[in-house]
N, C-alpha and C. Protein backbone atom coordinates (compact mmCIF):
# COMPACT_ATOMS: atom_id res chain seq x y z
N UNK A 1 89.52 164.30 96.31
CA UNK A 1 89.52 163.74 95.66
C UNK A 1 90.05 162.15 96.50
N UNK A 2 89.18 161.20 96.16
CA UNK A 2 89.91 159.90 96.65
C UNK A 2 90.67 159.37 96.27
N UNK A 3 91.83 158.82 96.80
CA UNK A 3 93.32 158.10 96.42
C UNK A 3 93.33 156.49 96.80
N UNK A 4 93.91 156.10 95.96
CA UNK A 4 94.77 154.86 96.75
C UNK A 4 94.77 154.79 97.86
N UNK A 5 95.58 153.90 98.80
CA UNK A 5 95.90 154.23 99.67
C UNK A 5 97.40 153.35 99.72
N UNK A 6 97.82 152.40 98.31
CA UNK A 6 98.76 152.25 98.71
C UNK A 6 99.10 152.59 97.05
N UNK A 7 99.46 153.50 95.97
CA UNK A 7 100.16 154.18 95.16
C UNK A 7 99.54 155.30 95.07
N UNK A 8 98.75 156.36 95.81
CA UNK A 8 98.18 157.37 96.00
C UNK A 8 97.18 157.44 93.94
N UNK A 9 97.17 156.98 93.14
CA UNK A 9 96.38 157.24 92.01
C UNK A 9 94.81 157.48 92.58
N UNK A 10 94.40 158.24 91.59
CA UNK A 10 93.47 159.28 91.82
C UNK A 10 92.48 158.50 91.49
N UNK A 11 90.94 158.60 92.11
CA UNK A 11 89.68 158.68 91.44
C UNK A 11 89.19 158.48 90.17
N UNK A 12 89.79 160.08 89.68
CA UNK A 12 90.21 160.24 88.42
C UNK A 12 90.60 159.16 87.27
N UNK A 13 92.14 158.40 87.70
CA UNK A 13 92.73 157.51 86.70
C UNK A 13 91.47 156.56 86.06
N UNK A 14 92.35 156.28 84.69
CA UNK A 14 90.58 155.96 84.02
C UNK A 14 90.13 153.95 84.42
N UNK A 15 89.02 153.79 84.74
CA UNK A 15 89.19 151.92 85.38
C UNK A 15 89.46 151.49 86.59
N UNK A 16 89.84 153.26 87.52
CA UNK A 16 90.32 152.44 88.97
C UNK A 16 88.71 152.27 89.60
N UNK A 17 89.10 151.18 90.66
CA UNK A 17 88.07 151.55 91.42
C UNK A 17 88.65 150.91 92.54
N UNK A 18 88.23 151.27 94.03
CA UNK A 18 88.73 151.20 95.25
C UNK A 18 88.10 149.77 96.11
N UNK A 19 88.30 148.96 96.84
CA UNK A 19 87.89 148.16 97.92
C UNK A 19 87.70 148.73 99.36
N UNK A 20 86.93 148.23 99.66
CA UNK A 20 87.17 148.55 101.10
C UNK A 20 87.87 149.19 101.87
N UNK A 21 89.05 149.19 102.36
CA UNK A 21 90.70 148.82 102.51
C UNK A 21 90.92 150.30 102.30
N UNK A 22 90.35 150.70 101.30
CA UNK A 22 90.82 151.88 99.91
C UNK A 22 92.28 151.82 99.12
N UNK A 23 92.76 150.61 98.58
CA UNK A 23 92.86 149.60 97.99
C UNK A 23 92.44 149.87 96.29
N UNK A 24 92.96 150.79 95.54
CA UNK A 24 92.65 150.25 94.35
C UNK A 24 93.35 149.29 93.02
N UNK A 25 91.84 148.81 92.83
CA UNK A 25 92.03 147.10 91.64
C UNK A 25 93.23 146.96 91.29
N UNK A 26 93.61 148.08 91.12
CA UNK A 26 94.96 148.08 90.02
C UNK A 26 96.02 147.36 91.06
N UNK A 27 96.23 148.16 92.09
CA UNK A 27 97.40 147.54 92.92
C UNK A 27 96.76 145.99 93.82
N UNK A 28 95.98 145.45 93.83
CA UNK A 28 95.09 144.18 93.88
C UNK A 28 95.52 143.55 93.08
N UNK A 29 95.30 143.69 91.76
CA UNK A 29 96.24 142.91 89.82
C UNK A 29 97.38 142.48 90.84
N UNK A 30 98.28 143.45 91.14
CA UNK A 30 99.17 143.44 90.95
C UNK A 30 99.92 142.65 92.71
N UNK A 31 99.48 142.55 92.81
CA UNK A 31 99.63 141.43 94.49
C UNK A 31 99.17 140.10 94.42
N UNK A 32 98.21 140.02 92.84
CA UNK A 32 97.85 139.01 92.82
C UNK A 32 98.94 138.44 92.13
N UNK A 33 99.37 139.64 91.16
CA UNK A 33 100.52 139.02 89.62
C UNK A 33 101.72 137.91 90.77
N UNK A 34 102.05 139.05 91.94
CA UNK A 34 103.19 138.98 92.41
C UNK A 34 103.12 137.40 93.42
N UNK A 35 102.26 137.18 94.55
CA UNK A 35 101.82 135.98 94.92
C UNK A 35 101.40 134.95 95.06
N UNK A 36 100.63 134.86 93.40
CA UNK A 36 99.49 133.90 93.31
C UNK A 36 100.35 133.47 91.80
N UNK A 37 101.58 134.04 91.29
CA UNK A 37 101.70 133.36 89.93
C UNK A 37 103.25 132.75 89.97
N UNK A 38 103.47 131.74 89.63
CA UNK A 38 104.83 131.55 89.93
C UNK A 38 105.39 131.31 88.78
N UNK A 39 106.34 132.68 88.82
CA UNK A 39 106.97 133.37 87.45
C UNK A 39 108.30 132.54 86.60
N UNK A 40 108.76 131.68 88.17
CA UNK A 40 110.31 130.36 87.71
C UNK A 40 109.41 129.98 87.19
N UNK A 41 108.56 128.86 87.52
CA UNK A 41 107.46 127.71 86.80
C UNK A 41 107.31 128.34 85.19
N UNK A 42 106.52 129.24 85.18
CA UNK A 42 106.34 129.96 83.76
C UNK A 42 107.81 129.59 83.05
N UNK A 43 108.87 130.70 83.95
CA UNK A 43 109.71 130.81 82.93
C UNK A 43 110.51 129.30 82.45
N UNK A 44 110.18 128.19 83.05
CA UNK A 44 110.76 127.06 82.46
C UNK A 44 110.12 126.33 81.53
N UNK A 45 108.78 127.04 81.49
CA UNK A 45 107.77 126.07 80.68
C UNK A 45 108.07 127.15 79.49
N UNK A 46 108.41 128.10 79.13
CA UNK A 46 108.27 129.09 78.26
C UNK A 46 109.60 128.61 77.39
N UNK A 47 111.03 128.50 78.23
CA UNK A 47 111.85 127.66 77.91
C UNK A 47 111.82 126.43 77.55
N UNK A 48 111.57 125.64 78.06
CA UNK A 48 111.58 124.81 77.57
C UNK A 48 110.56 124.48 76.00
N UNK A 49 109.48 125.34 75.49
CA UNK A 49 109.00 125.15 74.04
C UNK A 49 109.72 125.56 73.25
N UNK A 50 111.29 126.76 73.92
CA UNK A 50 111.64 128.01 72.94
C UNK A 50 112.52 126.58 72.06
N UNK A 51 113.50 125.63 73.31
CA UNK A 51 114.13 124.89 73.28
C UNK A 51 113.72 123.68 72.14
N UNK A 52 112.13 123.61 72.10
CA UNK A 52 111.87 122.20 71.69
C UNK A 52 111.64 122.86 70.33
N UNK A 53 111.18 124.06 69.58
CA UNK A 53 111.34 123.64 68.51
C UNK A 53 112.30 124.85 67.56
N UNK A 54 113.24 125.30 68.34
CA UNK A 54 114.58 125.29 67.69
C UNK A 54 115.61 124.79 66.53
N UNK A 55 114.99 125.59 66.01
CA UNK A 55 116.12 125.04 64.39
C UNK A 55 115.65 123.95 64.30
N UNK A 56 114.15 123.54 64.18
CA UNK A 56 113.78 122.35 63.34
C UNK A 56 112.57 123.13 61.73
N UNK A 57 112.90 124.41 61.64
CA UNK A 57 112.00 124.76 61.27
C UNK A 57 112.87 125.91 60.03
N UNK A 58 112.35 126.11 58.76
CA UNK A 58 113.10 127.60 58.75
C UNK A 58 113.02 127.91 58.90
N UNK A 59 112.57 128.84 59.93
CA UNK A 59 112.03 130.01 61.36
C UNK A 59 111.57 129.26 62.66
N UNK A 60 111.77 129.83 63.27
CA UNK A 60 112.19 129.00 65.04
C UNK A 60 110.79 129.50 65.27
N UNK A 61 110.07 131.06 65.07
CA UNK A 61 108.97 131.39 65.41
C UNK A 61 108.29 132.89 64.92
N UNK A 62 107.60 132.86 64.69
CA UNK A 62 106.59 134.06 64.59
C UNK A 62 106.24 135.10 65.37
N UNK A 63 106.95 136.51 65.11
CA UNK A 63 107.03 137.65 66.38
C UNK A 63 105.75 138.20 65.79
N UNK A 64 104.47 138.30 66.38
CA UNK A 64 103.73 139.63 65.32
C UNK A 64 104.28 140.63 66.56
N UNK A 65 104.74 142.16 66.10
CA UNK A 65 105.82 143.21 66.50
C UNK A 65 104.30 144.35 66.30
N UNK A 66 103.99 144.42 67.65
CA UNK A 66 103.25 146.07 66.85
C UNK A 66 104.30 147.92 66.90
N UNK A 67 105.35 147.70 67.44
CA UNK A 67 106.41 148.54 68.11
C UNK A 67 106.20 149.16 69.76
N UNK A 68 104.91 148.72 70.01
CA UNK A 68 104.32 148.80 71.44
C UNK A 68 106.10 147.82 72.82
N UNK A 69 105.44 148.20 73.41
CA UNK A 69 105.91 148.32 74.22
C UNK A 69 106.45 146.74 74.62
N UNK A 70 104.99 145.78 75.03
CA UNK A 70 104.85 144.84 75.33
C UNK A 70 105.63 143.83 74.10
N UNK A 71 105.15 144.03 72.67
CA UNK A 71 105.70 143.62 71.69
C UNK A 71 107.10 143.39 71.37
N UNK A 72 107.61 144.94 71.87
CA UNK A 72 109.12 145.15 71.42
C UNK A 72 109.99 144.24 73.43
N UNK A 73 109.14 144.45 74.03
CA UNK A 73 109.35 143.33 74.79
C UNK A 73 110.01 141.89 74.99
N UNK A 74 108.40 141.23 74.58
CA UNK A 74 108.38 140.14 73.83
C UNK A 74 109.79 139.37 73.17
N UNK A 75 109.73 140.35 70.89
CA UNK A 75 111.11 140.40 71.17
C UNK A 75 112.33 140.44 71.64
N UNK A 76 112.83 141.42 71.99
CA UNK A 76 113.66 141.44 72.89
C UNK A 76 114.42 140.03 73.26
N UNK A 77 113.12 139.69 74.42
CA UNK A 77 113.57 138.21 75.47
C UNK A 77 113.70 137.48 74.28
N UNK A 78 112.04 136.99 73.14
CA UNK A 78 113.35 135.68 72.47
C UNK A 78 114.71 135.82 71.73
N UNK A 79 115.18 136.44 71.25
CA UNK A 79 116.53 137.08 71.58
C UNK A 79 117.78 137.08 72.10
N UNK A 80 116.86 137.52 72.82
CA UNK A 80 118.37 137.65 73.65
C UNK A 80 118.76 136.56 75.21
N UNK A 81 117.03 135.80 74.91
CA UNK A 81 117.30 135.03 75.91
C UNK A 81 117.97 133.63 75.35
């Protein structure tokens, strides 16, 4: 069974593919997110948007909440940060 040379995920993992060096698409995507996205700048943009709208209306924002990990993290972040 073929496995990713970086993370060890097997070829049976849903939607996985491998490049010529044996690295999976999931590892490549993580490399892109780590190397190419300026997370500090993105946080400053988000913080600016929050401050721009905070306290102007009865509600600062509406957060769609499904109960999954992504919406839970978003709600937590907006409440605590």
